[in-house]
């Protein structure tokens, strides 16, 4: 049900953006590609919390700590709507509470995102990720080669501070892939049942602008 809500909200966002694109094309004689609307940048996310154990009843969870980074390229489709995509990388470390052994893992994947300005500096922001996360067997055994491919559909809000040649954004996202033990982000503050919230900071540079 939550993923259906995510799809519905993302469809509504895309429909509104399509209306903006149509109006823009009606009001301009030059619909060609504009390099000044291209942007590149980086997104960072702290990774910390607790990943619940679903295969070992004697372990409540694995404390995890790491960092997420994604280099992104995108385009300002209209004045209010932008979209982008890029690869992602996550370094994560977790500890088995029974053995005290720490294990590290490098996680790779890709992401796409869209953002639509609602008013002033506030935007509704949607993302979708695909990554080769560590499986529950990997967490339990400390074997970082045991993987599973997962998707993370996310929706939230962001604030954007626009400059002449760059802009910054601060985003809070709800991860609809909140199945315990699947997503590598973990539960914030180690609280079981805590909403799967992500906090992201991004810095982008507008190309072609002087």
C-alpha atoms as a PDB file:
ATOM      1  CA  UNK A   1       0.000   0.000   0.000  1.00  0.00           C
ATOM      2  CA  UNK A   2       2.809   2.428   0.859  1.00  0.00           C
ATOM      3  CA  UNK A   3       4.541   1.739  -2.458  1.00  0.00           C
ATOM      4  CA  UNK A   4       1.237   2.328  -4.272  1.00  0.00           C
ATOM      5  CA  UNK A   5       0.968   5.686  -2.493  1.00  0.00           C
ATOM      6  CA  UNK A   6       4.516   6.487  -3.576  1.00  0.00           C
ATOM      7  CA  UNK A   7       3.684   5.643  -7.211  1.00  0.00           C
ATOM      8  CA  UNK A   8       0.502   7.757  -7.068  1.00  0.00           C
ATOM      9  CA  UNK A   9       2.316  10.765  -5.601  1.00  0.00           C
ATOM     10  CA  UNK A  10       5.148  10.429  -8.105  1.00  0.00           C
ATOM     11  CA  UNK A  11       2.618  10.228 -10.952  1.00  0.00           C
ATOM     12  CA  UNK A  12       0.895  13.381  -9.675  1.00  0.00           C
ATOM     13  CA  UNK A  13       4.259  15.135  -9.530  1.00  0.00           C
ATOM     14  CA  UNK A  14       5.065  14.075 -13.095  1.00  0.00           C
ATOM     15  CA  UNK A  15       1.639  15.209 -14.325  1.00  0.00           C
ATOM     16  CA  UNK A  16       2.103  18.653 -12.812  1.00  0.00           C
ATOM     17  CA  UNK A  17       5.559  18.899 -14.349  1.00  0.00           C
ATOM     18  CA  UNK A  18       4.146  17.871 -17.740  1.00  0.00           C
ATOM     19  CA  UNK A  19       1.659  20.740 -17.529  1.00  0.00           C
ATOM     20  CA  UNK A  20       4.519  23.142 -16.815  1.00  0.00           C
ATOM     21  CA  UNK A  21       6.469  21.796 -19.794  1.00  0.00           C
ATOM     22  CA  UNK A  22       3.461  22.232 -22.092  1.00  0.00           C
ATOM     23  CA  UNK A  23       2.890  25.812 -20.953  1.00  0.00           C
ATOM     24  CA  UNK A  24       6.558  26.608 -21.401  1.00  0.00           C
ATOM     25  CA  UNK A  25       6.566  25.248 -24.959  1.00  0.00           C
ATOM     26  CA  UNK A  26       3.505  27.310 -25.748  1.00  0.00           C
ATOM     27  CA  UNK A  27       5.255  30.485 -24.612  1.00  0.00           C
ATOM     28  CA  UNK A  28       8.640  30.075 -26.289  1.00  0.00           C
ATOM     29  CA  UNK A  29       9.899  29.778 -29.843  1.00  0.00           C
ATOM     30  CA  UNK A  30      13.154  28.030 -28.890  1.00  0.00           C
ATOM     31  CA  UNK A  31      12.514  24.641 -27.236  1.00  0.00           C
ATOM     32  CA  UNK A  32      16.071  23.452 -27.929  1.00  0.00           C
ATOM     33  CA  UNK A  33      18.373  21.973 -25.324  1.00  0.00           C
ATOM     34  CA  UNK A  34      19.848  24.663 -23.068  1.00  0.00           C
ATOM     35  CA  UNK A  35      23.206  23.986 -21.413  1.00  0.00           C
ATOM     36  CA  UNK A  36      22.540  26.680 -18.829  1.00  0.00           C
ATOM     37  CA  UNK A  37      19.868  24.392 -17.353  1.00  0.00           C
ATOM     38  CA  UNK A  38      22.258  21.480 -16.843  1.00  0.00           C
ATOM     39  CA  UNK A  39      23.620  20.883 -13.341  1.00  0.00           C
ATOM     40  CA  UNK A  40      26.080  18.486 -11.713  1.00  0.00           C
ATOM     41  CA  UNK A  41      26.826  17.915  -8.060  1.00  0.00           C
ATOM     42  CA  UNK A  42      27.141  15.565  -5.129  1.00  0.00           C
ATOM     43  CA  UNK A  43      24.741  14.286  -2.477  1.00  0.00           C
ATOM     44  CA  UNK A  44      25.846  13.062   0.956  1.00  0.00           C
ATOM     45  CA  UNK A  45      23.891  11.067   3.525  1.00  0.00           C
ATOM     46  CA  UNK A  46      25.025   9.928   6.989  1.00  0.00           C
ATOM     47  CA  UNK A  47      24.309   6.252   7.618  1.00  0.00           C
ATOM     48  CA  UNK A  48      23.754   5.246  11.231  1.00  0.00           C
ATOM     49  CA  UNK A  49      21.285   3.322  13.319  1.00  0.00           C
ATOM     50  CA  UNK A  50      20.335  -0.299  13.849  1.00  0.00           C
ATOM     51  CA  UNK A  51      19.576  -2.959  11.240  1.00  0.00           C
ATOM     52  CA  UNK A  52      17.167  -5.509  12.762  1.00  0.00           C
ATOM     53  CA  UNK A  53      18.063  -9.192  12.634  1.00  0.00           C
ATOM     54  CA  UNK A  54      15.403 -11.326  10.960  1.00  0.00           C
ATOM     55  CA  UNK A  55      17.204 -14.697  11.014  1.00  0.00           C
ATOM     56  CA  UNK A  56      18.815 -14.777  14.471  1.00  0.00           C
ATOM     57  CA  UNK A  57      16.299 -14.402  17.344  1.00  0.00           C
ATOM     58  CA  UNK A  58      19.154 -13.936  19.826  1.00  0.00           C
ATOM     59  CA  UNK A  59      20.248 -10.664  18.176  1.00  0.00           C
ATOM     60  CA  UNK A  60      18.065  -7.569  18.273  1.00  0.00           C
ATOM     61  CA  UNK A  61      20.025  -5.808  15.541  1.00  0.00           C
ATOM     62  CA  UNK A  62      23.361  -4.751  14.091  1.00  0.00           C
ATOM     63  CA  UNK A  63      24.628  -1.265  14.856  1.00  0.00           C
ATOM     64  CA  UNK A  64      25.719   0.329  11.591  1.00  0.00           C
ATOM     65  CA  UNK A  65      27.735   3.421  10.748  1.00  0.00           C
ATOM     66  CA  UNK A  66      28.786   4.773   7.381  1.00  0.00           C
ATOM     67  CA  UNK A  67      28.381   7.375   4.673  1.00  0.00           C
ATOM     68  CA  UNK A  68      26.515   7.577   1.372  1.00  0.00           C
ATOM     69  CA  UNK A  69      27.624   9.626  -1.641  1.00  0.00           C
ATOM     70  CA  UNK A  70      26.123  10.112  -5.087  1.00  0.00           C
ATOM     71  CA  UNK A  71      27.484  12.133  -8.003  1.00  0.00           C
ATOM     72  CA  UNK A  72      24.544  13.450  -9.986  1.00  0.00           C
ATOM     73  CA  UNK A  73      23.825  15.112 -13.296  1.00  0.00           C
ATOM     74  CA  UNK A  74      20.476  16.702 -14.039  1.00  0.00           C
ATOM     75  CA  UNK A  75      18.406  19.232 -15.937  1.00  0.00           C
ATOM     76  CA  UNK A  76      16.057  22.083 -15.016  1.00  0.00           C
ATOM     77  CA  UNK A  77      13.131  20.997 -17.185  1.00  0.00           C
ATOM     78  CA  UNK A  78      11.078  24.028 -16.154  1.00  0.00           C
ATOM     79  CA  UNK A  79      11.557  26.806 -13.628  1.00  0.00           C
ATOM     80  CA  UNK A  80       9.885  24.615 -11.001  1.00  0.00           C
ATOM     81  CA  UNK A  81      10.707  21.080 -12.063  1.00  0.00           C
ATOM     82  CA  UNK A  82      14.097  19.355 -12.266  1.00  0.00           C
ATOM     83  CA  UNK A  83      15.255  15.764 -12.614  1.00  0.00           C
ATOM     84  CA  UNK A  84      18.563  13.940 -12.397  1.00  0.00           C
ATOM     85  CA  UNK A  85      20.362  10.621 -12.131  1.00  0.00           C
ATOM     86  CA  UNK A  86      23.718   9.193 -11.182  1.00  0.00           C
ATOM     87  CA  UNK A  87      25.686   6.405  -9.512  1.00  0.00           C
ATOM     88  CA  UNK A  88      25.721   5.939  -5.751  1.00  0.00           C
ATOM     89  CA  UNK A  89      28.245   4.553  -3.286  1.00  0.00           C
ATOM     90  CA  UNK A  90      27.838   3.633   0.358  1.00  0.00           C
ATOM     91  CA  UNK A  91      30.503   2.644   2.854  1.00  0.00           C
ATOM     92  CA  UNK A  92      29.006   0.899   5.836  1.00  0.00           C
ATOM     93  CA  UNK A  93      30.373  -0.836   8.920  1.00  0.00           C
ATOM     94  CA  UNK A  94      28.432  -2.960  11.371  1.00  0.00           C
ATOM     95  CA  UNK A  95      29.103  -4.957  14.512  1.00  0.00           C
ATOM     96  CA  UNK A  96      27.824  -8.372  15.486  1.00  0.00           C
ATOM     97  CA  UNK A  97      26.713  -7.965  19.139  1.00  0.00           C
ATOM     98  CA  UNK A  98      27.411 -11.634  19.914  1.00  0.00           C
ATOM     99  CA  UNK A  99      30.997 -11.754  18.657  1.00  0.00           C
ATOM    100  CA  UNK A 100      31.926  -8.063  18.774  1.00  0.00           C
ATOM    101  CA  UNK A 101      33.413  -8.409  15.276  1.00  0.00           C
ATOM    102  CA  UNK A 102      33.199  -5.358  12.998  1.00  0.00           C
ATOM    103  CA  UNK A 103      32.662  -5.841   9.261  1.00  0.00           C
ATOM    104  CA  UNK A 104      32.913  -3.280   6.453  1.00  0.00           C
ATOM    105  CA  UNK A 105      31.149  -3.288   3.091  1.00  0.00           C
ATOM    106  CA  UNK A 106      31.180  -1.220  -0.093  1.00  0.00           C
ATOM    107  CA  UNK A 107      27.754  -0.885  -1.683  1.00  0.00           C
ATOM    108  CA  UNK A 108      27.209   0.368  -5.237  1.00  0.00           C
ATOM    109  CA  UNK A 109      24.134   1.276  -7.213  1.00  0.00           C
ATOM    110  CA  UNK A 110      22.292   4.018  -9.034  1.00  0.00           C
ATOM    111  CA  UNK A 111      19.568   6.567  -8.385  1.00  0.00           C
ATOM    112  CA  UNK A 112      17.145   8.861 -10.151  1.00  0.00           C
ATOM    113  CA  UNK A 113      15.286  11.787  -8.622  1.00  0.00           C
ATOM    114  CA  UNK A 114      12.771  14.496  -9.372  1.00  0.00           C
ATOM    115  CA  UNK A 115      12.031  17.698  -7.505  1.00  0.00           C
ATOM    116  CA  UNK A 116       9.123  20.101  -7.912  1.00  0.00           C
ATOM    117  CA  UNK A 117       9.007  23.543  -6.324  1.00  0.00           C
ATOM    118  CA  UNK A 118       5.828  24.075  -4.337  1.00  0.00           C
ATOM    119  CA  UNK A 119       6.412  27.585  -2.996  1.00  0.00           C
ATOM    120  CA  UNK A 120       9.375  29.755  -2.124  1.00  0.00           C
ATOM    121  CA  UNK A 121      12.318  27.424  -1.377  1.00  0.00           C
ATOM    122  CA  UNK A 122      10.271  24.332  -0.536  1.00  0.00           C
ATOM    123  CA  UNK A 123      10.066  21.378  -2.922  1.00  0.00           C
ATOM    124  CA  UNK A 124       8.482  17.948  -3.003  1.00  0.00           C
ATOM    125  CA  UNK A 125      11.239  15.456  -3.751  1.00  0.00           C
ATOM    126  CA  UNK A 126      11.029  11.875  -5.030  1.00  0.00           C
ATOM    127  CA  UNK A 127      13.812   9.328  -5.507  1.00  0.00           C
ATOM    128  CA  UNK A 128      14.308   5.725  -6.551  1.00  0.00           C
ATOM    129  CA  UNK A 129      17.463   3.710  -5.873  1.00  0.00           C
ATOM    130  CA  UNK A 130      18.798   0.326  -6.902  1.00  0.00           C
ATOM    131  CA  UNK A 131      21.746  -1.124  -4.947  1.00  0.00           C
ATOM    132  CA  UNK A 132      23.577  -4.381  -4.160  1.00  0.00           C
ATOM    133  CA  UNK A 133      23.024  -4.356  -0.406  1.00  0.00           C
ATOM    134  CA  UNK A 134      24.363  -6.846   2.118  1.00  0.00           C
ATOM    135  CA  UNK A 135      21.879  -9.639   2.859  1.00  0.00           C
ATOM    136  CA  UNK A 136      20.750 -10.778   6.304  1.00  0.00           C
ATOM    137  CA  UNK A 137      23.054 -13.787   5.959  1.00  0.00           C
ATOM    138  CA  UNK A 138      25.922 -11.375   5.353  1.00  0.00           C
ATOM    139  CA  UNK A 139      25.144  -9.327   8.459  1.00  0.00           C
ATOM    140  CA  UNK A 140      24.862 -12.435  10.625  1.00  0.00           C
ATOM    141  CA  UNK A 141      28.027 -14.145   9.369  1.00  0.00           C
ATOM    142  CA  UNK A 142      30.136 -11.037   8.793  1.00  0.00           C
ATOM    143  CA  UNK A 143      30.547 -12.037   5.137  1.00  0.00           C
ATOM    144  CA  UNK A 144      30.219  -8.860   3.065  1.00  0.00           C
ATOM    145  CA  UNK A 145      30.087 -10.862  -0.192  1.00  0.00           C
ATOM    146  CA  UNK A 146      26.587 -12.144   0.571  1.00  0.00           C
ATOM    147  CA  UNK A 147      24.422  -9.624  -1.290  1.00  0.00           C
ATOM    148  CA  UNK A 148      20.905  -8.933  -2.469  1.00  0.00           C
ATOM    149  CA  UNK A 149      19.655  -6.394  -5.000  1.00  0.00           C
ATOM    150  CA  UNK A 150      17.118  -4.027  -3.464  1.00  0.00           C
ATOM    151  CA  UNK A 151      15.164  -0.950  -4.499  1.00  0.00           C
ATOM    152  CA  UNK A 152      14.447   2.079  -2.327  1.00  0.00           C
ATOM    153  CA  UNK A 153      11.507   4.274  -3.437  1.00  0.00           C
ATOM    154  CA  UNK A 154      11.531   7.485  -1.399  1.00  0.00           C
ATOM    155  CA  UNK A 155       9.473  10.643  -1.083  1.00  0.00           C
ATOM    156  CA  UNK A 156       9.945  13.766   1.016  1.00  0.00           C
ATOM    157  CA  UNK A 157      10.517  17.493   1.107  1.00  0.00           C
ATOM    158  CA  UNK A 158      13.565  19.646   0.525  1.00  0.00           C
ATOM    159  CA  UNK A 159      14.670  23.231   0.887  1.00  0.00           C
ATOM    160  CA  UNK A 160      16.728  24.751  -1.930  1.00  0.00           C
ATOM    161  CA  UNK A 161      19.015  27.779  -1.675  1.00  0.00           C
ATOM    162  CA  UNK A 162      19.702  29.090  -5.170  1.00  0.00           C
ATOM    163  CA  UNK A 163      22.812  31.066  -6.087  1.00  0.00           C
ATOM    164  CA  UNK A 164      24.028  32.477  -9.386  1.00  0.00           C
ATOM    165  CA  UNK A 165      26.017  29.427 -10.435  1.00  0.00           C
ATOM    166  CA  UNK A 166      25.202  26.877  -7.764  1.00  0.00           C
ATOM    167  CA  UNK A 167      22.461  25.780  -5.406  1.00  0.00           C
ATOM    168  CA  UNK A 168      22.268  23.777  -2.192  1.00  0.00           C
ATOM    169  CA  UNK A 169      19.514  21.519  -0.950  1.00  0.00           C
ATOM    170  CA  UNK A 170      18.654  19.850   2.344  1.00  0.00           C
ATOM    171  CA  UNK A 171      16.267  16.917   2.020  1.00  0.00           C
ATOM    172  CA  UNK A 172      14.280  14.711   4.392  1.00  0.00           C
ATOM    173  CA  UNK A 173      13.010  11.490   2.812  1.00  0.00           C
ATOM    174  CA  UNK A 174      10.742   8.644   3.839  1.00  0.00           C
ATOM    175  CA  UNK A 175      12.024   5.278   2.592  1.00  0.00           C
ATOM    176  CA  UNK A 176       9.059   3.155   1.473  1.00  0.00           C
ATOM    177  CA  UNK A 177      11.306   0.091   1.553  1.00  0.00           C
ATOM    178  CA  UNK A 178      10.944  -0.172   5.313  1.00  0.00           C
ATOM    179  CA  UNK A 179      11.096  -3.953   5.525  1.00  0.00           C
ATOM    180  CA  UNK A 180      13.243  -4.749   8.553  1.00  0.00           C
ATOM    181  CA  UNK A 181      16.629  -6.165   7.704  1.00  0.00           C
ATOM    182  CA  UNK A 182      16.515  -5.305   3.987  1.00  0.00           C
ATOM    183  CA  UNK A 183      17.552  -1.686   3.582  1.00  0.00           C
ATOM    184  CA  UNK A 184      21.160  -0.878   4.608  1.00  0.00           C
ATOM    185  CA  UNK A 185      20.240   2.520   6.063  1.00  0.00           C
ATOM    186  CA  UNK A 186      19.078   1.121   9.381  1.00  0.00           C
ATOM    187  CA  UNK A 187      16.703   2.625  11.912  1.00  0.00           C
ATOM    188  CA  UNK A 188      17.741   6.038  13.166  1.00  0.00           C
ATOM    189  CA  UNK A 189      18.921   6.127  16.775  1.00  0.00           C
ATOM    190  CA  UNK A 190      18.580   2.328  16.908  1.00  0.00           C
ATOM    191  CA  UNK A 191      14.878   2.580  17.804  1.00  0.00           C
ATOM    192  CA  UNK A 192      12.857  -0.367  16.522  1.00  0.00           C
ATOM    193  CA  UNK A 193       9.751   0.839  14.723  1.00  0.00           C
ATOM    194  CA  UNK A 194      11.242   4.295  14.141  1.00  0.00           C
ATOM    195  CA  UNK A 195      10.140   5.629  10.729  1.00  0.00           C
ATOM    196  CA  UNK A 196      12.732   4.952   7.986  1.00  0.00           C
ATOM    197  CA  UNK A 197      13.781   8.582   7.578  1.00  0.00           C
ATOM    198  CA  UNK A 198      16.832   9.700   5.580  1.00  0.00           C
ATOM    199  CA  UNK A 199      18.563  13.084   5.758  1.00  0.00           C
ATOM    200  CA  UNK A 200      20.511  14.310   2.731  1.00  0.00           C
ATOM    201  CA  UNK A 201      22.588  17.360   1.845  1.00  0.00           C
ATOM    202  CA  UNK A 202      23.437  18.252  -1.754  1.00  0.00           C
ATOM    203  CA  UNK A 203      25.552  20.802  -3.578  1.00  0.00           C
ATOM    204  CA  UNK A 204      24.986  21.389  -7.299  1.00  0.00           C
ATOM    205  CA  UNK A 205      26.654  23.586  -9.902  1.00  0.00           C
ATOM    206  CA  UNK A 206      24.806  25.027 -12.876  1.00  0.00           C
ATOM    207  CA  UNK A 207      26.754  24.552 -16.099  1.00  0.00           C
ATOM    208  CA  UNK A 208      26.843  27.198 -18.791  1.00  0.00           C
ATOM    209  CA  UNK A 209      25.851  30.043 -16.494  1.00  0.00           C
ATOM    210  CA  UNK A 210      28.119  33.039 -16.239  1.00  0.00           C
END
